[in-house]
Every structure is written in C-alpha cells, then in structure tokens.
Amino acid sequence: MKSVAGIFSSRDTAERAIQRLAASGIPREHLTLLTPGTDVRRLSSVPVDEGEPPGTGAAIGAVTGLAAGAGVGVPIGAAVSLIVPGIGPILAFGLLGAALFGAGGAAIGNALETTLSQGVPRDDLFVIEDALRSGHSVALALVEDEAAAQRAREALRDEGALDMETARDRWWTSLTEAERGVFNPVEEHAYRCGFEAAQWCDNRENVRSLHGDMIDEPAFQRGWERGLDYRHAGSLRKSA
C-alpha cells in the first residue's frame, strides 16, 4: 500500500479533507487524522463505535484510559488521546492512529519504527512530528496504488493541504546554515539524506534499504552524525 499525507493549518480543514477522502471511497480504516490538543468533553460525548474490530477499544483504553467512537465530523472510528513527549497532547482518530501511538506514549518515531507496517514511510515520521509540534493537523490515507495515491493527493491539495515534500523542504531550510552545511549539489543530497535519516533511526545500517550504498559515502556519514547531534540537542531541549 501507499501512504498519502497532507498537513493543515487547522483541525477543521483537516477534518473536511478526511470527509472528502472517505466520500471518495477510501475505506475508513485506511484514514487517520492527527491533531494537537485534546477535548475530553468532545470525546466523552460520542458513543463507542460498535463497528470497530473486537478488542480495539480495550487496547486503546489500556494505553490512554479513553476510548471513543467516531469524532464529530470525522467518520473514521476510534480516537486516541495522550501526551506525546516533545509534542504535547495529541488526538489520533482512526485505527492507524491507534497504531501510531500504540507504544504507550513513546515519541512518534519510536512507536512507528517498531509497530507500524501498514505503509507510512518511516522517513516521513519526523516531518509529521514537526508539523504536530507546530500546531498543525495531519490527514493520512493508505491507498492501493499510485493512481489512487495521485487522486488522494489532489483531493488533499484542493482542501488546502501542504504536501509532505514541501513540508520536508521547509523543515530543511528552517535549519541553520551550520546544520545544513555547504556542499556541492551531489554531496548536499547525500548529506541531507543522512541528516534526515538520523531524525528517525538510531542505526545507520538500518537505512541501507532506503538509501543503498549512499550510506557509505562521507557526505552521508557527516550528515548522519550532524543529524544525530541535532536530534539529541532537541531531546535535551524538550526535557528541560
């Protein structure tokens, strides 16, 4: 399966995008809405959705102490409410949302690296995390093929979404020049790939399937090391 994601400035616009994707025929179990904040009153007023697979509600409840059915305007099932370190309160609607946070409050990247096998690229995780930390909402869809992915991207764009590639580029350009480094175009690509990989993975060898022999290039290794330093410094700032 392929994943398609869109970043929205508000929860309302993300909800409208989810509605549009659902209306287009994407199964609700393949849709997820991630949004900062929590509204216990809103969740507690919604009945548990009996259509969820057996055990889903109990599993979510065990993690968060709160299980609910479809949110108002979000026809995609159960909602998870919890605190994510470095981000704060998060609501995750949909079964994929439950998988995203199924590690009992671990950071998004750590949770997905071990629990998610449904198609969300791991190298997108830090972009999603950064969007949530900045107060944005994220709509995610899992689709069967590239044609369906393109239709979903167009639907998200029509609703005002920022696509992942643009979001990734904005994150990169927001870094200081010292963090981005100064290279020729070929080295810069390898350096950036290494830097970004270090945001979601702890073992460089584990990204060989994604980047191949590039991980052995000096520019990639420098990017990896600088990216780990950046990630570590960020963890220290969050825990301060």
C-alpha atoms as a PDB file:
ATOM      1  CA  MET A   1       0.000   0.000   0.000  1.00  0.00           C
ATOM      2  CA  LYS A   2       0.991   3.629  -0.448  1.00  0.00           C
ATOM      3  CA  SER A   3       0.532   6.426   2.049  1.00  0.00           C
ATOM      4  CA  VAL A   4      -0.537   9.959   1.249  1.00  0.00           C
ATOM      5  CA  ALA A   5      -0.401  12.740   3.811  1.00  0.00           C
ATOM      6  CA  GLY A   6      -1.456  16.352   3.938  1.00  0.00           C
ATOM      7  CA  ILE A   7      -0.616  18.957   6.582  1.00  0.00           C
ATOM      8  CA  PHE A   8      -3.263  21.509   7.508  1.00  0.00           C
ATOM      9  CA  SER A   9      -3.152  24.726   9.491  1.00  0.00           C
ATOM     10  CA  SER A  10      -6.317  23.840  11.399  1.00  0.00           C
ATOM     11  CA  ARG A  11      -8.170  20.783  12.605  1.00  0.00           C
ATOM     12  CA  ASP A  12     -11.363  21.871  10.853  1.00  0.00           C
ATOM     13  CA  THR A  13      -9.732  21.891   7.419  1.00  0.00           C
ATOM     14  CA  ALA A  14      -8.105  18.527   8.105  1.00  0.00           C
ATOM     15  CA  GLU A  15     -11.495  17.101   9.098  1.00  0.00           C
ATOM     16  CA  ARG A  16     -13.020  18.341   5.853  1.00  0.00           C
ATOM     17  CA  ALA A  17     -10.214  16.653   3.942  1.00  0.00           C
ATOM     18  CA  ILE A  18     -10.838  13.376   5.776  1.00  0.00           C
ATOM     19  CA  GLN A  19     -14.532  13.634   4.931  1.00  0.00           C
ATOM     20  CA  ARG A  20     -13.682  14.164   1.285  1.00  0.00           C
ATOM     21  CA  LEU A  21     -11.321  11.188   1.204  1.00  0.00           C
ATOM     22  CA  ALA A  22     -13.930   8.977   2.858  1.00  0.00           C
ATOM     23  CA  ALA A  23     -16.573  10.128   0.367  1.00  0.00           C
ATOM     24  CA  SER A  24     -14.203   9.247  -2.482  1.00  0.00           C
ATOM     25  CA  GLY A  25     -14.333   5.606  -1.448  1.00  0.00           C
ATOM     26  CA  ILE A  26     -11.186   5.170   0.669  1.00  0.00           C
ATOM     27  CA  PRO A  27     -12.087   2.724   3.472  1.00  0.00           C
ATOM     28  CA  ARG A  28     -12.324   4.442   6.827  1.00  0.00           C
ATOM     29  CA  GLU A  29      -9.809   2.006   8.361  1.00  0.00           C
ATOM     30  CA  HIS A  30      -7.280   3.455   5.920  1.00  0.00           C
ATOM     31  CA  LEU A  31      -7.800   7.040   7.080  1.00  0.00           C
ATOM     32  CA  THR A  32      -6.266   8.807  10.050  1.00  0.00           C
ATOM     33  CA  LEU A  33      -6.404  12.304  11.471  1.00  0.00           C
ATOM     34  CA  LEU A  34      -3.678  13.525  13.827  1.00  0.00           C
ATOM     35  CA  THR A  35      -4.203  16.798  15.615  1.00  0.00           C
ATOM     36  CA  PRO A  36      -2.640  18.635  18.572  1.00  0.00           C
ATOM     37  CA  GLY A  37      -4.634  19.157  21.744  1.00  0.00           C
ATOM     38  CA  THR A  38      -7.336  17.223  23.475  1.00  0.00           C
ATOM     39  CA  ASP A  39     -11.001  17.799  24.199  1.00  0.00           C
ATOM     40  CA  VAL A  40     -12.212  15.214  26.692  1.00  0.00           C
ATOM     41  CA  ARG A  41     -15.726  16.671  26.692  1.00  0.00           C
ATOM     42  CA  ARG A  42     -15.989  16.207  22.961  1.00  0.00           C
ATOM     43  CA  LEU A  43     -14.739  12.633  23.088  1.00  0.00           C
ATOM     44  CA  SER A  44     -16.780  11.556  26.105  1.00  0.00           C
ATOM     45  CA  SER A  45     -19.980  12.747  24.447  1.00  0.00           C
ATOM     46  CA  VAL A  46     -19.534  10.391  21.497  1.00  0.00           C
ATOM     47  CA  PRO A  47     -20.678   6.738  21.831  1.00  0.00           C
ATOM     48  CA  VAL A  48     -18.264   3.873  21.307  1.00  0.00           C
ATOM     49  CA  ASP A  49     -18.407   2.626  17.734  1.00  0.00           C
ATOM     50  CA  GLU A  50     -19.542  -0.993  17.826  1.00  0.00           C
ATOM     51  CA  GLY A  51     -18.288  -1.430  14.265  1.00  0.00           C
ATOM     52  CA  GLU A  52     -14.654  -1.494  15.350  1.00  0.00           C
ATOM     53  CA  PRO A  53     -12.907  -4.884  15.371  1.00  0.00           C
ATOM     54  CA  PRO A  54     -13.140  -6.763  18.693  1.00  0.00           C
ATOM     55  CA  GLY A  55     -10.592  -5.577  21.218  1.00  0.00           C
ATOM     56  CA  THR A  56      -9.801  -2.269  19.542  1.00  0.00           C
ATOM     57  CA  GLY A  57     -11.496  -0.142  22.164  1.00  0.00           C
ATOM     58  CA  ALA A  58      -9.965  -2.121  25.003  1.00  0.00           C
ATOM     59  CA  ALA A  59      -6.488  -1.798  23.521  1.00  0.00           C
ATOM     60  CA  ILE A  60      -6.819   1.940  23.110  1.00  0.00           C
ATOM     61  CA  GLY A  61      -8.283   2.283  26.564  1.00  0.00           C
ATOM     62  CA  ALA A  62      -5.354   0.406  28.040  1.00  0.00           C
ATOM     63  CA  VAL A  63      -2.973   2.920  26.508  1.00  0.00           C
ATOM     64  CA  THR A  64      -4.882   6.114  27.125  1.00  0.00           C
ATOM     65  CA  GLY A  65      -7.684   5.423  29.570  1.00  0.00           C
ATOM     66  CA  LEU A  66     -10.099   6.839  26.990  1.00  0.00           C
ATOM     67  CA  ALA A  67     -11.779   5.165  24.039  1.00  0.00           C
ATOM     68  CA  ALA A  68     -14.409   6.700  21.832  1.00  0.00           C
ATOM     69  CA  GLY A  69     -16.115   6.239  18.518  1.00  0.00           C
ATOM     70  CA  ALA A  70     -16.040   8.479  15.502  1.00  0.00           C
ATOM     71  CA  GLY A  71     -15.401  12.107  16.329  1.00  0.00           C
ATOM     72  CA  VAL A  72     -17.778  14.829  15.284  1.00  0.00           C
ATOM     73  CA  GLY A  73     -17.214  15.244  11.550  1.00  0.00           C
ATOM     74  CA  VAL A  74     -14.575  12.503  11.442  1.00  0.00           C
ATOM     75  CA  PRO A  75     -16.100   9.228  10.189  1.00  0.00           C
ATOM     76  CA  ILE A  76     -13.045   7.084  10.849  1.00  0.00           C
ATOM     77  CA  GLY A  77     -13.560   5.305  14.143  1.00  0.00           C
ATOM     78  CA  ALA A  78     -11.736   5.225  17.447  1.00  0.00           C
ATOM     79  CA  ALA A  79      -9.807   8.123  18.939  1.00  0.00           C
ATOM     80  CA  VAL A  80      -6.622   8.021  20.986  1.00  0.00           C
ATOM     81  CA  SER A  81      -5.865  10.855  23.394  1.00  0.00           C
ATOM     82  CA  LEU A  82      -2.453  11.040  25.029  1.00  0.00           C
ATOM     83  CA  ILE A  83       0.628  13.086  25.733  1.00  0.00           C
ATOM     84  CA  VAL A  84       3.500  12.633  23.267  1.00  0.00           C
ATOM     85  CA  PRO A  85       6.903  13.685  24.650  1.00  0.00           C
ATOM     86  CA  GLY A  86       8.236  16.736  22.888  1.00  0.00           C
ATOM     87  CA  ILE A  87       4.873  17.487  21.271  1.00  0.00           C
ATOM     88  CA  GLY A  88       2.230  17.547  23.999  1.00  0.00           C
ATOM     89  CA  PRO A  89      -1.419  16.442  23.908  1.00  0.00           C
ATOM     90  CA  ILE A  90      -2.426  14.648  20.711  1.00  0.00           C
ATOM     91  CA  LEU A  91      -5.672  13.292  19.334  1.00  0.00           C
ATOM     92  CA  ALA A  92      -5.348  10.484  16.793  1.00  0.00           C
ATOM     93  CA  PHE A  93      -8.537   9.402  15.040  1.00  0.00           C
ATOM     94  CA  GLY A  94      -8.707   6.067  13.215  1.00  0.00           C
ATOM     95  CA  LEU A  95      -7.170   2.632  13.534  1.00  0.00           C
ATOM     96  CA  LEU A  96      -3.882   3.772  12.037  1.00  0.00           C
ATOM     97  CA  GLY A  97      -3.830   6.488  14.676  1.00  0.00           C
ATOM     98  CA  ALA A  98      -4.031   3.777  17.320  1.00  0.00           C
ATOM     99  CA  ALA A  99      -1.009   2.064  15.736  1.00  0.00           C
ATOM    100  CA  LEU A 100       0.903   5.340  15.611  1.00  0.00           C
ATOM    101  CA  PHE A 101       0.631   5.723  19.380  1.00  0.00           C
ATOM    102  CA  GLY A 102       0.421   2.088  20.363  1.00  0.00           C
ATOM    103  CA  ALA A 103       3.682   2.183  22.292  1.00  0.00           C
ATOM    104  CA  GLY A 104       2.044   3.729  25.320  1.00  0.00           C
ATOM    105  CA  GLY A 105       3.163   7.303  24.919  1.00  0.00           C
ATOM    106  CA  ALA A 106       6.506   6.854  23.151  1.00  0.00           C
ATOM    107  CA  ALA A 107       7.530   9.507  20.666  1.00  0.00           C
ATOM    108  CA  ILE A 108       6.015   9.055  17.220  1.00  0.00           C
ATOM    109  CA  GLY A 109       9.198   7.900  15.547  1.00  0.00           C
ATOM    110  CA  ASN A 110       9.975   5.249  18.151  1.00  0.00           C
ATOM    111  CA  ALA A 111       6.395   3.981  18.114  1.00  0.00           C
ATOM    112  CA  LEU A 112       6.199   3.655  14.368  1.00  0.00           C
ATOM    113  CA  GLU A 113       9.655   2.182  13.950  1.00  0.00           C
ATOM    114  CA  THR A 114       8.506  -0.918  15.842  1.00  0.00           C
ATOM    115  CA  THR A 115       4.724  -1.158  15.464  1.00  0.00           C
ATOM    116  CA  LEU A 116       3.648   0.183  12.089  1.00  0.00           C
ATOM    117  CA  SER A 117       3.723  -1.975   8.970  1.00  0.00           C
ATOM    118  CA  GLN A 118       0.841  -0.502   7.010  1.00  0.00           C
ATOM    119  CA  GLY A 119       2.681   1.692   4.561  1.00  0.00           C
ATOM    120  CA  VAL A 120       3.610   5.013   6.189  1.00  0.00           C
ATOM    121  CA  PRO A 121       7.234   5.713   5.196  1.00  0.00           C
ATOM    122  CA  ARG A 122       9.377   5.876   8.280  1.00  0.00           C
ATOM    123  CA  ASP A 123      11.384   8.724   6.815  1.00  0.00           C
ATOM    124  CA  ASP A 124       8.228  10.858   6.885  1.00  0.00           C
ATOM    125  CA  LEU A 125       7.819  10.474  10.631  1.00  0.00           C
ATOM    126  CA  PHE A 126       9.920  13.406  11.755  1.00  0.00           C
ATOM    127  CA  VAL A 127       8.069  15.658   9.291  1.00  0.00           C
ATOM    128  CA  ILE A 128       4.736  14.590  10.803  1.00  0.00           C
ATOM    129  CA  GLU A 129       6.129  15.093  14.288  1.00  0.00           C
ATOM    130  CA  ASP A 130       7.394  18.564  13.405  1.00  0.00           C
ATOM    131  CA  ALA A 131       4.010  19.515  11.939  1.00  0.00           C
ATOM    132  CA  LEU A 132       2.164  18.456  15.095  1.00  0.00           C
ATOM    133  CA  ARG A 133       4.677  20.252  17.291  1.00  0.00           C
ATOM    134  CA  SER A 134       3.999  23.401  15.262  1.00  0.00           C
ATOM    135  CA  GLY A 135       0.266  23.153  15.931  1.00  0.00           C
ATOM    136  CA  HIS A 136      -0.768  21.716  12.560  1.00  0.00           C
ATOM    137  CA  SER A 137      -3.045  18.747  11.874  1.00  0.00           C
ATOM    138  CA  VAL A 138      -2.187  15.852   9.579  1.00  0.00           C
ATOM    139  CA  ALA A 139      -4.533  13.770   7.419  1.00  0.00           C
ATOM    140  CA  LEU A 140      -3.224  10.357   6.345  1.00  0.00           C
ATOM    141  CA  ALA A 141      -4.630   7.914   3.799  1.00  0.00           C
ATOM    142  CA  LEU A 142      -3.453   4.459   2.815  1.00  0.00           C
ATOM    143  CA  VAL A 143      -4.294   3.561  -0.780  1.00  0.00           C
ATOM    144  CA  GLU A 144      -3.735   0.593  -3.063  1.00  0.00           C
ATOM    145  CA  ASP A 145      -1.682   2.034  -5.926  1.00  0.00           C
ATOM    146  CA  GLU A 146      -0.106   5.142  -7.426  1.00  0.00           C
ATOM    147  CA  ALA A 147      -3.256   6.107  -9.338  1.00  0.00           C
ATOM    148  CA  ALA A 148      -5.271   6.142  -6.109  1.00  0.00           C
ATOM    149  CA  ALA A 149      -2.435   7.978  -4.368  1.00  0.00           C
ATOM    150  CA  GLN A 150      -2.482  10.706  -7.008  1.00  0.00           C
ATOM    151  CA  ARG A 151      -6.237  11.153  -6.624  1.00  0.00           C
ATOM    152  CA  ALA A 152      -5.828  11.413  -2.857  1.00  0.00           C
ATOM    153  CA  ARG A 153      -3.026  13.975  -3.228  1.00  0.00           C
ATOM    154  CA  GLU A 154      -5.218  16.075  -5.496  1.00  0.00           C
ATOM    155  CA  ALA A 155      -8.109  15.905  -3.040  1.00  0.00           C
ATOM    156  CA  LEU A 156      -5.855  16.968  -0.168  1.00  0.00           C
ATOM    157  CA  ARG A 157      -4.352  19.783  -2.219  1.00  0.00           C
ATOM    158  CA  ASP A 158      -7.828  21.018  -3.170  1.00  0.00           C
ATOM    159  CA  GLU A 159      -8.633  21.239   0.541  1.00  0.00           C
ATOM    160  CA  GLY A 160      -5.547  23.363   1.154  1.00  0.00           C
ATOM    161  CA  ALA A 161      -3.039  20.752   2.326  1.00  0.00           C
ATOM    162  CA  LEU A 162       0.704  21.221   2.410  1.00  0.00           C
ATOM    163  CA  ASP A 163       2.239  18.093   0.885  1.00  0.00           C
ATOM    164  CA  MET A 164       4.980  16.149   2.614  1.00  0.00           C
ATOM    165  CA  GLU A 165       7.709  17.017   0.128  1.00  0.00           C
ATOM    166  CA  THR A 166       7.083  20.741   0.556  1.00  0.00           C
ATOM    167  CA  ALA A 167       6.880  20.348   4.332  1.00  0.00           C
ATOM    168  CA  ARG A 168      10.174  18.459   4.320  1.00  0.00           C
ATOM    169  CA  ASP A 169      11.833  21.191   2.244  1.00  0.00           C
ATOM    170  CA  ARG A 170      10.542  23.889   4.600  1.00  0.00           C
ATOM    171  CA  TRP A 171      11.869  21.973   7.594  1.00  0.00           C
ATOM    172  CA  TRP A 172      15.258  21.677   5.925  1.00  0.00           C
ATOM    173  CA  THR A 173      15.511  25.354   5.004  1.00  0.00           C
ATOM    174  CA  SER A 174      14.497  26.318   8.550  1.00  0.00           C
ATOM    175  CA  LEU A 175      17.730  24.792   9.854  1.00  0.00           C
ATOM    176  CA  THR A 176      20.770  26.976  10.374  1.00  0.00           C
ATOM    177  CA  GLU A 177      23.471  27.092   7.706  1.00  0.00           C
ATOM    178  CA  ALA A 178      25.792  25.305  10.118  1.00  0.00           C
ATOM    179  CA  GLU A 179      23.336  22.424  10.336  1.00  0.00           C
ATOM    180  CA  ARG A 180      22.681  22.273   6.590  1.00  0.00           C
ATOM    181  CA  GLY A 181      26.357  22.509   5.729  1.00  0.00           C
ATOM    182  CA  VAL A 182      27.860  23.831   2.489  1.00  0.00           C
ATOM    183  CA  PHE A 183      28.432  21.277  -0.276  1.00  0.00           C
ATOM    184  CA  ASN A 184      28.261  20.806  -3.996  1.00  0.00           C
ATOM    185  CA  PRO A 185      24.829  19.538  -5.169  1.00  0.00           C
ATOM    186  CA  VAL A 186      25.780  15.845  -5.154  1.00  0.00           C
ATOM    187  CA  GLU A 187      27.317  15.952  -1.694  1.00  0.00           C
ATOM    188  CA  GLU A 188      24.498  18.118  -0.394  1.00  0.00           C
ATOM    189  CA  HIS A 189      21.942  15.479  -1.388  1.00  0.00           C
ATOM    190  CA  ALA A 190      23.849  12.731   0.410  1.00  0.00           C
ATOM    191  CA  TYR A 191      24.449  14.936   3.457  1.00  0.00           C
ATOM    192  CA  ARG A 192      20.776  15.881   3.662  1.00  0.00           C
ATOM    193  CA  CYS A 193      19.680  12.243   3.317  1.00  0.00           C
ATOM    194  CA  GLY A 194      21.999  11.301   6.178  1.00  0.00           C
ATOM    195  CA  PHE A 195      20.836  14.206   8.339  1.00  0.00           C
ATOM    196  CA  GLU A 196      17.164  13.383   7.782  1.00  0.00           C
ATOM    197  CA  ALA A 197      17.641   9.642   8.339  1.00  0.00           C
ATOM    198  CA  ALA A 198      19.152  10.382  11.734  1.00  0.00           C
ATOM    199  CA  GLN A 199      15.900  12.051  12.790  1.00  0.00           C
ATOM    200  CA  TRP A 200      14.003   8.761  12.854  1.00  0.00           C
ATOM    201  CA  CYS A 201      16.516   5.914  13.041  1.00  0.00           C
ATOM    202  CA  ASP A 202      19.249   5.071  15.559  1.00  0.00           C
ATOM    203  CA  ASN A 203      21.259   2.635  13.440  1.00  0.00           C
ATOM    204  CA  ARG A 204      22.679   3.883  10.147  1.00  0.00           C
ATOM    205  CA  GLU A 205      22.798   0.379   8.696  1.00  0.00           C
ATOM    206  CA  ASN A 206      19.018   0.164   9.058  1.00  0.00           C
ATOM    207  CA  VAL A 207      18.539   2.790   6.345  1.00  0.00           C
ATOM    208  CA  ARG A 208      20.576   0.903   3.725  1.00  0.00           C
ATOM    209  CA  SER A 209      17.367  -0.499   2.223  1.00  0.00           C
ATOM    210  CA  LEU A 210      16.210   3.074   1.664  1.00  0.00           C
ATOM    211  CA  HIS A 211      19.452   4.741   0.548  1.00  0.00           C
ATOM    212  CA  GLY A 212      21.625   1.852  -0.635  1.00  0.00           C
ATOM    213  CA  ASP A 213      25.387   2.341  -0.823  1.00  0.00           C
ATOM    214  CA  MET A 214      24.926   6.101  -0.357  1.00  0.00           C
ATOM    215  CA  ILE A 215      25.094   5.472   3.393  1.00  0.00           C
ATOM    216  CA  ASP A 216      28.800   4.661   2.972  1.00  0.00           C
ATOM    217  CA  GLU A 217      29.599   7.995   1.350  1.00  0.00           C
ATOM    218  CA  PRO A 218      31.484  10.501   3.541  1.00  0.00           C
ATOM    219  CA  ALA A 219      28.864  13.230   2.983  1.00  0.00           C
ATOM    220  CA  PHE A 220      26.060  10.917   4.116  1.00  0.00           C
ATOM    221  CA  GLN A 221      28.048   9.886   7.189  1.00  0.00           C
ATOM    222  CA  ARG A 222      28.742  13.520   8.081  1.00  0.00           C
ATOM    223  CA  GLY A 223      25.065  14.306   7.655  1.00  0.00           C
ATOM    224  CA  TRP A 224      24.130  11.326   9.797  1.00  0.00           C
ATOM    225  CA  GLU A 225      26.457  12.375  12.604  1.00  0.00           C
ATOM    226  CA  ARG A 226      25.340  16.009  12.474  1.00  0.00           C
ATOM    227  CA  GLY A 227      21.706  14.877  12.351  1.00  0.00           C
ATOM    228  CA  LEU A 228      22.152  12.747  15.458  1.00  0.00           C
ATOM    229  CA  ASP A 229      23.676  15.738  17.251  1.00  0.00           C
ATOM    230  CA  TYR A 230      20.714  17.879  16.175  1.00  0.00           C
ATOM    231  CA  ARG A 231      18.204  15.249  17.302  1.00  0.00           C
ATOM    232  CA  HIS A 232      19.983  14.774  20.634  1.00  0.00           C
ATOM    233  CA  ALA A 233      20.101  18.528  21.263  1.00  0.00           C
ATOM    234  CA  GLY A 234      16.389  18.710  20.515  1.00  0.00           C
ATOM    235  CA  SER A 235      15.678  15.936  23.016  1.00  0.00           C
ATOM    236  CA  LEU A 236      17.592  17.819  25.655  1.00  0.00           C
ATOM    237  CA  ARG A 237      15.620  20.996  24.934  1.00  0.00           C
ATOM    238  CA  LYS A 238      12.295  19.116  25.193  1.00  0.00           C
ATOM    239  CA  SER A 239      13.222  17.554  28.527  1.00  0.00           C
ATOM    240  CA  ALA A 240      14.485  20.807  30.016  1.00  0.00           C
END
